[in-house]
């Protein structure tokens, strides 16, 4: 299923911390992270100016609909395979019930890092029910379209590298916000397993 998102609808989901990291602005404790970074003695004023510039550009992008956010998701019947480390996926619940061949198998490695005293090494497959039980696997992907063209316009036409980097940083924040919005919508609407 393909889902389009209005830019304005994902704004509340933006995590601004990576935005400042993109610009290599890091506050010192206790002024790390957004919005505390604005109080930092060393980088606070610069961070605030950068944020204000970002808000101005973001407002223009939203009004002009300069970028396009789109997501795709799928919800599939799934079970842990007999080897305990793979997950079999069927196109429909009926296919699984008919014991049809899975349309895909995802290989899920076990945890590779050794931890002193650890007995169990988990795999994503451990969280999917084995054959004979009903379980599902949900997947999604999101993309921000037109960002590279807009960034290139700033760089090539206007010779404005600051705005180019700003567009790229904002597109990164918007696509992550879109992922958060789609993840929420899968939980409460599309799959509806956590409507509240």
N, C-alpha and C. Protein backbone atom coordinates (compact mmCIF):
# COMPACT_ATOMS: atom_id res chain seq x y z
N UNK A 1 0.84 -1.17 0.00
CA UNK A 1 0.00 0.00 0.00
C UNK A 1 0.89 1.24 0.00
N UNK A 2 0.57 2.20 -0.84
CA UNK A 2 1.32 3.46 -0.93
C UNK A 2 0.54 4.54 -0.18
N UNK A 3 1.25 5.35 0.60
CA UNK A 3 0.63 6.41 1.38
C UNK A 3 1.39 7.70 1.12
N UNK A 4 0.66 8.76 0.78
CA UNK A 4 1.27 10.08 0.64
C UNK A 4 1.01 10.88 1.91
N UNK A 5 1.98 11.68 2.31
CA UNK A 5 1.85 12.50 3.50
C UNK A 5 2.00 13.97 3.15
N UNK A 6 1.14 14.78 3.73
CA UNK A 6 1.29 16.22 3.62
C UNK A 6 2.48 16.63 4.49
N UNK A 7 3.29 17.52 3.99
CA UNK A 7 4.47 17.96 4.74
C UNK A 7 4.10 18.48 6.12
N UNK A 8 3.05 19.28 6.19
CA UNK A 8 2.65 19.87 7.46
C UNK A 8 2.22 18.83 8.49
N UNK A 9 1.74 17.67 8.03
CA UNK A 9 1.27 16.65 8.95
C UNK A 9 2.40 15.93 9.68
N UNK A 10 3.60 15.96 9.14
CA UNK A 10 4.71 15.25 9.79
C UNK A 10 5.58 16.17 10.65
N UNK A 11 5.35 17.47 10.60
CA UNK A 11 6.18 18.40 11.35
C UNK A 11 6.26 18.08 12.85
N UNK A 12 5.15 17.67 13.49
CA UNK A 12 5.25 17.36 14.92
C UNK A 12 6.15 16.16 15.23
N UNK A 13 6.48 15.37 14.23
CA UNK A 13 7.30 14.18 14.43
C UNK A 13 8.80 14.44 14.23
N UNK A 14 9.17 15.65 13.89
CA UNK A 14 10.59 15.94 13.62
C UNK A 14 11.42 15.85 14.89
N UNK A 15 12.52 15.12 14.79
CA UNK A 15 13.53 15.06 15.85
C UNK A 15 14.64 16.01 15.40
N UNK A 16 14.80 17.10 16.11
CA UNK A 16 15.75 18.14 15.70
C UNK A 16 17.19 17.83 16.10
N UNK A 17 17.42 16.89 17.01
CA UNK A 17 18.79 16.62 17.46
C UNK A 17 19.74 16.27 16.32
N UNK A 18 19.39 15.34 15.42
CA UNK A 18 20.30 15.04 14.31
C UNK A 18 20.53 16.22 13.37
N UNK A 19 19.56 17.14 13.31
CA UNK A 19 19.72 18.33 12.48
C UNK A 19 20.95 19.13 12.95
N UNK A 20 21.07 19.32 14.25
CA UNK A 20 22.21 20.07 14.77
C UNK A 20 23.51 19.28 14.62
N UNK A 21 23.43 17.97 14.71
CA UNK A 21 24.62 17.14 14.51
C UNK A 21 25.11 17.26 13.07
N UNK A 22 24.19 17.39 12.12
CA UNK A 22 24.57 17.58 10.71
C UNK A 22 25.48 18.80 10.57
N UNK A 23 25.18 19.81 11.34
CA UNK A 23 25.95 21.05 11.27
C UNK A 23 27.09 21.07 12.29
N UNK A 24 27.33 19.92 12.91
CA UNK A 24 28.39 19.74 13.90
C UNK A 24 28.28 20.72 15.06
N UNK A 25 27.04 20.95 15.48
CA UNK A 25 26.78 21.79 16.65
C UNK A 25 26.34 20.89 17.79
N UNK A 26 27.14 20.87 18.84
CA UNK A 26 26.81 20.06 20.00
C UNK A 26 26.99 20.91 21.24
N UNK A 27 25.95 20.99 22.01
CA UNK A 27 26.05 21.71 23.27
C UNK A 27 26.77 20.85 24.30
N UNK A 28 27.22 21.50 25.36
CA UNK A 28 27.85 20.79 26.47
C UNK A 28 26.81 20.57 27.56
N UNK A 29 26.97 19.46 28.26
CA UNK A 29 26.05 19.16 29.35
C UNK A 29 25.96 20.36 30.27
N UNK A 30 24.80 20.80 30.70
CA UNK A 30 23.48 20.20 30.53
C UNK A 30 22.73 20.71 29.30
N UNK A 31 23.43 21.36 28.38
CA UNK A 31 22.77 21.97 27.23
C UNK A 31 22.93 21.17 25.94
N UNK A 32 22.87 19.86 26.07
CA UNK A 32 22.92 19.01 24.89
C UNK A 32 21.49 18.80 24.38
N UNK A 33 21.38 18.70 23.09
CA UNK A 33 20.09 18.36 22.50
C UNK A 33 19.16 19.55 22.37
N UNK A 34 18.16 19.33 21.54
CA UNK A 34 17.14 20.34 21.27
C UNK A 34 16.08 20.30 22.35
N UNK A 35 15.62 21.39 22.89
CA UNK A 35 15.96 22.79 22.63
C UNK A 35 17.03 23.36 23.57
N UNK A 36 17.57 22.52 24.44
CA UNK A 36 18.57 22.99 25.42
C UNK A 36 19.80 23.59 24.76
N UNK A 37 20.11 23.15 23.54
CA UNK A 37 21.31 23.64 22.86
C UNK A 37 21.31 25.16 22.71
N UNK A 38 20.12 25.76 22.66
CA UNK A 38 20.02 27.21 22.50
C UNK A 38 20.61 27.95 23.71
N UNK A 39 20.69 27.28 24.86
CA UNK A 39 21.23 27.89 26.07
C UNK A 39 22.73 27.68 26.23
N UNK A 40 23.33 26.92 25.32
CA UNK A 40 24.75 26.64 25.43
C UNK A 40 25.57 27.91 25.18
N UNK A 41 26.56 28.14 26.04
CA UNK A 41 27.38 29.35 25.96
C UNK A 41 28.17 29.40 24.66
N UNK A 42 28.69 28.28 24.24
CA UNK A 42 29.57 28.24 23.07
C UNK A 42 28.81 28.25 21.75
N UNK A 43 27.79 27.38 21.61
CA UNK A 43 27.12 27.22 20.30
C UNK A 43 25.66 27.65 20.30
N UNK A 44 25.15 28.12 21.44
CA UNK A 44 23.73 28.44 21.56
C UNK A 44 23.22 29.46 20.55
N UNK A 45 23.91 30.57 20.42
CA UNK A 45 23.46 31.62 19.49
C UNK A 45 23.50 31.13 18.05
N UNK A 46 24.56 30.42 17.69
CA UNK A 46 24.67 29.87 16.33
C UNK A 46 23.58 28.84 16.07
N UNK A 47 23.31 27.99 17.07
CA UNK A 47 22.27 26.97 16.92
C UNK A 47 20.90 27.62 16.74
N UNK A 48 20.64 28.68 17.48
CA UNK A 48 19.34 29.37 17.38
C UNK A 48 19.19 30.02 16.02
N UNK A 49 20.26 30.65 15.52
CA UNK A 49 20.19 31.27 14.19
C UNK A 49 19.96 30.21 13.12
N UNK A 50 20.66 29.10 13.23
CA UNK A 50 20.50 28.00 12.28
C UNK A 50 19.07 27.45 12.32
N UNK A 51 18.54 27.28 13.52
CA UNK A 51 17.17 26.78 13.68
C UNK A 51 16.17 27.76 13.07
N UNK A 52 16.37 29.04 13.30
CA UNK A 52 15.47 30.05 12.72
C UNK A 52 15.52 30.02 11.20
N UNK A 53 16.72 29.88 10.65
CA UNK A 53 16.86 29.75 9.19
C UNK A 53 16.13 28.51 8.68
N UNK A 54 16.27 27.42 9.43
CA UNK A 54 15.61 26.16 9.05
C UNK A 54 14.09 26.32 9.08
N UNK A 55 13.59 27.01 10.10
CA UNK A 55 12.14 27.21 10.20
C UNK A 55 11.61 28.03 9.03
N UNK A 56 12.38 29.04 8.64
CA UNK A 56 11.97 29.89 7.52
C UNK A 56 11.94 29.07 6.22
N UNK A 57 13.01 28.28 5.99
CA UNK A 57 13.05 27.47 4.78
C UNK A 57 11.96 26.39 4.82
N UNK A 58 11.77 25.78 5.98
CA UNK A 58 10.76 24.72 6.12
C UNK A 58 9.38 25.27 5.86
N UNK A 59 9.10 26.47 6.35
CA UNK A 59 7.81 27.11 6.10
C UNK A 59 7.59 27.31 4.60
N UNK A 60 8.62 27.76 3.90
CA UNK A 60 8.53 27.93 2.44
C UNK A 60 8.32 26.62 1.71
N UNK A 61 9.02 25.57 2.16
CA UNK A 61 8.88 24.24 1.54
C UNK A 61 7.47 23.72 1.72
N UNK A 62 6.92 23.89 2.93
CA UNK A 62 5.56 23.40 3.20
C UNK A 62 4.55 24.17 2.37
N UNK A 63 4.67 25.50 2.34
CA UNK A 63 3.71 26.32 1.58
C UNK A 63 3.76 26.02 0.09
N UNK A 64 4.97 25.87 -0.45
CA UNK A 64 5.13 25.63 -1.89
C UNK A 64 4.99 24.15 -2.26
N UNK A 65 4.93 23.29 -1.24
CA UNK A 65 4.89 21.84 -1.46
C UNK A 65 6.07 21.42 -2.34
N UNK A 66 7.24 21.94 -2.00
CA UNK A 66 8.46 21.71 -2.79
C UNK A 66 8.97 20.29 -2.70
N UNK A 67 8.66 19.60 -1.62
CA UNK A 67 9.10 18.22 -1.42
C UNK A 67 7.87 17.32 -1.33
N UNK A 68 8.07 16.05 -1.64
CA UNK A 68 6.98 15.08 -1.61
C UNK A 68 7.39 13.93 -0.70
N UNK A 69 6.54 13.62 0.27
CA UNK A 69 6.79 12.50 1.17
C UNK A 69 5.85 11.35 0.84
N UNK A 70 6.42 10.18 0.67
CA UNK A 70 5.61 9.01 0.31
C UNK A 70 6.14 7.81 1.07
N UNK A 71 5.23 6.98 1.50
CA UNK A 71 5.60 5.76 2.18
C UNK A 71 4.92 4.56 1.55
N UNK A 72 5.50 3.40 1.75
CA UNK A 72 4.90 2.15 1.30
C UNK A 72 4.98 1.18 2.47
N UNK A 73 3.92 0.40 2.64
CA UNK A 73 3.94 -0.58 3.72
C UNK A 73 3.25 -1.85 3.26
N UNK A 74 3.58 -2.93 3.94
CA UNK A 74 2.95 -4.22 3.70
C UNK A 74 2.81 -4.95 5.02
N UNK A 75 1.71 -5.67 5.16
CA UNK A 75 1.44 -6.47 6.34
C UNK A 75 1.21 -7.90 5.86
N UNK A 76 2.02 -8.83 6.38
CA UNK A 76 2.02 -10.18 5.81
C UNK A 76 1.92 -11.25 6.90
N UNK A 77 1.31 -12.35 6.52
CA UNK A 77 1.30 -13.53 7.38
C UNK A 77 2.74 -14.03 7.46
N UNK A 78 3.20 -14.34 8.68
CA UNK A 78 4.61 -14.74 8.85
C UNK A 78 4.75 -15.71 10.01
N UNK A 79 5.76 -16.56 9.93
CA UNK A 79 6.12 -17.47 11.02
C UNK A 79 7.61 -17.72 11.03
N UNK A 80 8.12 -18.01 12.22
CA UNK A 80 9.52 -18.41 12.35
C UNK A 80 9.67 -19.77 11.69
N UNK A 81 10.71 -19.91 10.90
CA UNK A 81 10.97 -21.16 10.20
C UNK A 81 11.54 -22.19 11.18
N UNK A 82 11.59 -23.42 10.74
CA UNK A 82 12.03 -24.54 11.58
C UNK A 82 13.44 -24.40 12.13
N UNK A 83 14.32 -23.68 11.42
CA UNK A 83 15.69 -23.54 11.90
C UNK A 83 15.81 -22.53 13.04
N UNK A 84 14.73 -21.78 13.31
CA UNK A 84 14.72 -20.84 14.41
C UNK A 84 15.37 -19.51 14.13
N UNK A 85 15.97 -19.35 12.96
CA UNK A 85 16.65 -18.09 12.65
C UNK A 85 16.10 -17.38 11.43
N UNK A 86 15.19 -18.00 10.73
CA UNK A 86 14.59 -17.40 9.54
C UNK A 86 13.12 -17.13 9.79
N UNK A 87 12.56 -16.22 9.01
CA UNK A 87 11.13 -15.91 9.07
C UNK A 87 10.55 -16.10 7.67
N UNK A 88 9.55 -16.98 7.58
CA UNK A 88 8.85 -17.20 6.32
C UNK A 88 7.67 -16.24 6.23
N UNK A 89 7.44 -15.71 5.01
CA UNK A 89 6.38 -14.73 4.79
C UNK A 89 5.50 -15.22 3.64
N UNK A 90 4.19 -15.12 3.84
CA UNK A 90 3.21 -15.49 2.81
C UNK A 90 2.48 -14.24 2.35
N UNK A 91 2.04 -14.26 1.10
CA UNK A 91 1.33 -13.11 0.54
C UNK A 91 0.00 -12.89 1.24
N UNK A 92 -0.67 -13.98 1.64
CA UNK A 92 -1.97 -13.86 2.31
C UNK A 92 -2.07 -14.88 3.44
N UNK A 93 -3.01 -14.63 4.30
CA UNK A 93 -3.30 -15.56 5.39
C UNK A 93 -3.74 -16.91 4.82
N UNK A 94 -4.51 -16.86 3.73
CA UNK A 94 -5.01 -18.09 3.10
C UNK A 94 -3.86 -18.95 2.59
N UNK A 95 -2.82 -18.32 2.05
CA UNK A 95 -1.66 -19.07 1.57
C UNK A 95 -0.99 -19.82 2.71
N UNK A 96 -0.87 -19.16 3.84
CA UNK A 96 -0.24 -19.82 4.99
C UNK A 96 -1.12 -20.99 5.44
N UNK A 97 -2.43 -20.75 5.53
CA UNK A 97 -3.36 -21.79 5.98
C UNK A 97 -3.34 -22.99 5.04
N UNK A 98 -3.14 -22.74 3.74
CA UNK A 98 -3.11 -23.82 2.75
C UNK A 98 -1.74 -24.49 2.69
N UNK A 99 -0.82 -24.03 3.54
CA UNK A 99 0.54 -24.57 3.58
C UNK A 99 1.26 -24.38 2.25
N UNK A 100 0.95 -23.26 1.58
CA UNK A 100 1.62 -22.92 0.33
C UNK A 100 3.07 -22.53 0.62
N UNK A 101 3.86 -22.53 -0.42
CA UNK A 101 5.26 -22.12 -0.27
C UNK A 101 5.32 -20.63 0.07
N UNK A 102 6.16 -20.24 1.02
CA UNK A 102 6.30 -18.82 1.35
C UNK A 102 6.78 -18.03 0.14
N UNK A 103 6.36 -16.76 0.05
CA UNK A 103 6.82 -15.90 -1.04
C UNK A 103 8.21 -15.34 -0.75
N UNK A 104 8.60 -15.38 0.50
CA UNK A 104 9.93 -14.89 0.87
C UNK A 104 10.34 -15.49 2.21
N UNK A 105 11.64 -15.56 2.40
CA UNK A 105 12.21 -15.97 3.68
C UNK A 105 13.27 -14.96 4.05
N UNK A 106 13.13 -14.40 5.24
CA UNK A 106 14.10 -13.43 5.74
C UNK A 106 15.05 -14.14 6.69
N UNK A 107 16.33 -14.04 6.42
CA UNK A 107 17.35 -14.64 7.28
C UNK A 107 17.69 -13.64 8.38
N UNK A 108 17.49 -14.05 9.60
CA UNK A 108 17.71 -13.17 10.75
C UNK A 108 18.88 -13.70 11.56
N UNK A 109 20.00 -13.03 11.49
CA UNK A 109 21.17 -13.45 12.25
C UNK A 109 20.92 -13.37 13.75
N UNK A 110 21.60 -14.20 14.46
CA UNK A 110 21.61 -14.09 15.92
C UNK A 110 22.58 -12.99 16.31
N UNK A 111 22.40 -12.46 17.49
CA UNK A 111 23.31 -11.46 18.03
C UNK A 111 24.73 -11.97 17.90
N UNK A 112 25.63 -11.16 17.37
CA UNK A 112 26.99 -11.59 17.10
C UNK A 112 27.99 -11.18 18.18
N UNK A 113 27.69 -10.10 18.88
CA UNK A 113 28.63 -9.60 19.88
C UNK A 113 28.55 -10.45 21.15
N UNK A 114 29.69 -10.87 21.62
CA UNK A 114 29.73 -11.63 22.87
C UNK A 114 29.67 -10.67 24.04
N UNK A 115 28.82 -11.03 24.99
CA UNK A 115 28.69 -10.24 26.21
C UNK A 115 28.96 -11.18 27.38
N UNK A 116 29.86 -10.77 28.25
CA UNK A 116 30.24 -11.63 29.37
C UNK A 116 29.00 -11.99 30.20
N UNK A 117 28.85 -13.26 30.45
CA UNK A 117 27.75 -13.75 31.26
C UNK A 117 26.44 -13.95 30.50
N UNK A 118 26.40 -13.55 29.23
CA UNK A 118 25.17 -13.70 28.47
C UNK A 118 25.02 -15.15 28.02
N UNK A 119 23.82 -15.67 28.20
CA UNK A 119 23.55 -17.05 27.83
C UNK A 119 22.80 -17.11 26.49
N UNK A 120 21.83 -16.21 26.32
CA UNK A 120 21.03 -16.21 25.10
C UNK A 120 21.53 -15.17 24.11
N UNK A 121 21.60 -15.55 22.86
CA UNK A 121 21.94 -14.62 21.79
C UNK A 121 20.72 -14.53 20.90
N UNK A 122 20.04 -13.37 20.95
CA UNK A 122 18.74 -13.23 20.31
C UNK A 122 18.84 -12.95 18.82
N UNK A 123 17.74 -13.27 18.17
CA UNK A 123 17.55 -13.00 16.75
C UNK A 123 16.18 -12.35 16.62
N UNK A 124 15.98 -11.54 15.58
CA UNK A 124 14.65 -10.98 15.33
C UNK A 124 13.62 -12.10 15.18
N UNK A 125 14.06 -13.24 14.67
CA UNK A 125 13.14 -14.37 14.48
C UNK A 125 12.57 -14.88 15.80
N UNK A 126 13.27 -14.66 16.91
CA UNK A 126 12.77 -15.11 18.21
C UNK A 126 11.48 -14.41 18.60
N UNK A 127 11.17 -13.30 17.95
CA UNK A 127 9.97 -12.53 18.30
C UNK A 127 8.81 -12.80 17.35
N UNK A 128 8.96 -13.81 16.49
CA UNK A 128 7.91 -14.20 15.56
C UNK A 128 7.49 -15.63 15.93
N UNK A 129 6.19 -15.86 16.00
CA UNK A 129 5.67 -17.17 16.42
C UNK A 129 6.05 -18.26 15.41
N UNK A 130 6.30 -19.48 15.91
CA UNK A 130 6.63 -20.58 15.00
C UNK A 130 5.41 -21.06 14.21
N UNK A 131 5.66 -21.88 13.19
CA UNK A 131 4.58 -22.46 12.38
C UNK A 131 3.54 -23.08 13.28
N UNK A 132 2.30 -23.03 12.82
CA UNK A 132 1.19 -23.55 13.61
C UNK A 132 0.51 -22.46 14.41
N UNK A 133 1.08 -21.28 14.43
CA UNK A 133 0.52 -20.12 15.13
C UNK A 133 0.31 -18.99 14.13
N UNK A 134 -0.64 -18.14 14.44
CA UNK A 134 -0.86 -16.97 13.58
C UNK A 134 0.02 -15.83 14.05
N UNK A 135 0.83 -15.32 13.15
CA UNK A 135 1.63 -14.14 13.44
C UNK A 135 1.80 -13.37 12.14
N UNK A 136 2.31 -12.18 12.25
CA UNK A 136 2.42 -11.30 11.09
C UNK A 136 3.72 -10.52 11.14
N UNK A 137 4.12 -10.05 9.99
CA UNK A 137 5.30 -9.21 9.86
C UNK A 137 4.88 -7.97 9.08
N UNK A 138 5.19 -6.81 9.62
CA UNK A 138 4.90 -5.56 8.94
C UNK A 138 6.19 -4.92 8.48
N UNK A 139 6.16 -4.31 7.32
CA UNK A 139 7.35 -3.64 6.78
C UNK A 139 6.92 -2.31 6.19
N UNK A 140 7.82 -1.34 6.25
CA UNK A 140 7.52 -0.08 5.58
C UNK A 140 8.80 0.60 5.15
N UNK A 141 8.65 1.48 4.19
CA UNK A 141 9.76 2.31 3.71
C UNK A 141 9.19 3.68 3.37
N UNK A 142 10.01 4.70 3.52
CA UNK A 142 9.57 6.06 3.20
C UNK A 142 10.63 6.75 2.35
N UNK A 143 10.20 7.76 1.62
CA UNK A 143 11.13 8.51 0.78
C UNK A 143 10.68 9.97 0.70
N UNK A 144 11.65 10.83 0.51
CA UNK A 144 11.39 12.26 0.29
C UNK A 144 11.84 12.56 -1.13
N UNK A 145 10.89 12.86 -1.98
CA UNK A 145 11.17 13.11 -3.38
C UNK A 145 11.42 14.60 -3.65
N UNK A 146 12.23 14.89 -4.62
CA UNK A 146 12.55 16.21 -5.15
C UNK A 146 13.65 16.92 -4.34
N UNK A 147 14.09 16.35 -3.23
CA UNK A 147 15.09 17.00 -2.38
C UNK A 147 16.40 17.24 -3.12
N UNK A 148 16.87 16.26 -3.87
CA UNK A 148 18.15 16.44 -4.57
C UNK A 148 18.05 17.49 -5.67
N UNK A 149 16.91 17.55 -6.33
CA UNK A 149 16.72 18.59 -7.36
C UNK A 149 16.72 19.97 -6.73
N UNK A 150 16.00 20.10 -5.61
CA UNK A 150 15.96 21.39 -4.92
C UNK A 150 17.34 21.79 -4.41
N UNK A 151 18.06 20.84 -3.86
CA UNK A 151 19.43 21.11 -3.38
C UNK A 151 20.34 21.51 -4.54
N UNK A 152 20.23 20.80 -5.65
CA UNK A 152 21.04 21.13 -6.84
C UNK A 152 20.72 22.52 -7.36
N UNK A 153 19.44 22.90 -7.34
CA UNK A 153 19.06 24.24 -7.77
C UNK A 153 19.76 25.31 -6.94
N UNK A 154 19.79 25.11 -5.63
CA UNK A 154 20.48 26.08 -4.77
C UNK A 154 21.98 26.13 -5.10
N UNK A 155 22.58 24.96 -5.27
CA UNK A 155 24.03 24.92 -5.51
C UNK A 155 24.40 25.40 -6.91
N UNK A 156 23.72 24.87 -7.92
CA UNK A 156 24.11 25.14 -9.30
C UNK A 156 23.60 26.47 -9.83
N UNK A 157 22.35 26.80 -9.55
CA UNK A 157 21.75 28.01 -10.09
C UNK A 157 22.07 29.23 -9.25
N UNK A 158 22.01 29.06 -7.91
CA UNK A 158 22.19 30.22 -7.03
C UNK A 158 23.56 30.26 -6.35
N UNK A 159 24.36 29.22 -6.55
CA UNK A 159 25.68 29.13 -5.92
C UNK A 159 25.58 29.33 -4.40
N UNK A 160 24.57 28.69 -3.82
CA UNK A 160 24.24 28.85 -2.41
C UNK A 160 24.37 27.49 -1.70
N UNK A 161 25.59 27.19 -1.28
CA UNK A 161 25.84 25.90 -0.62
C UNK A 161 25.16 25.80 0.73
N UNK A 162 25.02 26.91 1.43
CA UNK A 162 24.34 26.90 2.74
C UNK A 162 22.91 26.39 2.57
N UNK A 163 22.18 26.95 1.62
CA UNK A 163 20.80 26.52 1.39
C UNK A 163 20.73 25.09 0.87
N UNK A 164 21.71 24.71 0.07
CA UNK A 164 21.77 23.33 -0.42
C UNK A 164 21.85 22.36 0.76
N UNK A 165 22.78 22.62 1.68
CA UNK A 165 22.94 21.74 2.85
C UNK A 165 21.70 21.80 3.73
N UNK A 166 21.11 22.99 3.85
CA UNK A 166 19.90 23.15 4.67
C UNK A 166 18.76 22.30 4.11
N UNK A 167 18.56 22.33 2.80
CA UNK A 167 17.51 21.51 2.17
C UNK A 167 17.76 20.03 2.44
N UNK A 168 19.00 19.61 2.27
CA UNK A 168 19.33 18.21 2.49
C UNK A 168 19.08 17.81 3.95
N UNK A 169 19.48 18.69 4.88
CA UNK A 169 19.27 18.40 6.30
C UNK A 169 17.79 18.36 6.64
N UNK A 170 17.02 19.27 6.07
CA UNK A 170 15.57 19.28 6.32
C UNK A 170 14.88 18.08 5.69
N UNK A 171 15.31 17.71 4.49
CA UNK A 171 14.72 16.52 3.85
C UNK A 171 14.99 15.28 4.70
N UNK A 172 16.19 15.18 5.26
CA UNK A 172 16.53 14.07 6.14
C UNK A 172 15.60 14.05 7.35
N UNK A 173 15.35 15.20 7.95
CA UNK A 173 14.47 15.29 9.12
C UNK A 173 13.03 14.96 8.72
N UNK A 174 12.60 15.43 7.55
CA UNK A 174 11.23 15.18 7.10
C UNK A 174 10.99 13.71 6.80
N UNK A 175 11.96 13.06 6.17
CA UNK A 175 11.75 11.64 5.85
C UNK A 175 11.74 10.80 7.12
N UNK A 176 12.56 11.16 8.11
CA UNK A 176 12.49 10.43 9.37
C UNK A 176 11.17 10.70 10.07
N UNK A 177 10.70 11.94 10.03
CA UNK A 177 9.40 12.27 10.62
C UNK A 177 8.28 11.51 9.91
N UNK A 178 8.40 11.37 8.60
CA UNK A 178 7.42 10.60 7.82
C UNK A 178 7.42 9.14 8.27
N UNK A 179 8.60 8.59 8.53
CA UNK A 179 8.69 7.21 9.02
C UNK A 179 7.98 7.07 10.36
N UNK A 180 8.16 8.05 11.23
CA UNK A 180 7.48 8.02 12.53
C UNK A 180 5.97 8.10 12.36
N UNK A 181 5.52 8.97 11.46
CA UNK A 181 4.09 9.12 11.22
C UNK A 181 3.50 7.83 10.63
N UNK A 182 4.19 7.24 9.67
CA UNK A 182 3.70 5.99 9.07
C UNK A 182 3.69 4.86 10.09
N UNK A 183 4.72 4.79 10.92
CA UNK A 183 4.77 3.77 11.95
C UNK A 183 3.58 3.91 12.90
N UNK A 184 3.28 5.14 13.29
CA UNK A 184 2.11 5.39 14.14
C UNK A 184 0.83 4.97 13.42
N UNK A 185 0.69 5.35 12.15
CA UNK A 185 -0.52 5.03 11.40
C UNK A 185 -0.69 3.53 11.21
N UNK A 186 0.40 2.80 11.05
CA UNK A 186 0.30 1.34 10.96
C UNK A 186 -0.25 0.79 12.27
N UNK A 187 0.28 1.28 13.39
CA UNK A 187 -0.18 0.80 14.70
C UNK A 187 -1.64 1.11 14.95
N UNK A 188 -2.07 2.33 14.64
CA UNK A 188 -3.40 2.75 15.06
C UNK A 188 -4.48 2.68 13.97
N UNK A 189 -4.08 2.65 12.70
CA UNK A 189 -5.07 2.66 11.62
C UNK A 189 -4.97 1.43 10.73
N UNK A 190 -3.87 1.33 9.97
CA UNK A 190 -3.77 0.33 8.91
C UNK A 190 -3.81 -1.09 9.45
N UNK A 191 -3.00 -1.37 10.45
CA UNK A 191 -3.03 -2.69 11.08
C UNK A 191 -3.96 -2.62 12.28
N UNK A 192 -3.87 -1.51 12.99
CA UNK A 192 -4.79 -1.25 14.08
C UNK A 192 -4.60 -2.09 15.32
N UNK A 193 -3.40 -2.63 15.52
CA UNK A 193 -3.20 -3.49 16.68
C UNK A 193 -3.07 -2.69 17.97
N UNK A 194 -2.90 -1.38 17.87
CA UNK A 194 -2.78 -0.54 19.07
C UNK A 194 -3.54 0.75 18.83
N UNK A 195 -4.82 0.63 18.62
CA UNK A 195 -5.65 1.78 18.24
C UNK A 195 -5.62 2.90 19.28
N UNK A 196 -5.33 2.58 20.51
CA UNK A 196 -5.28 3.61 21.55
C UNK A 196 -3.87 4.11 21.79
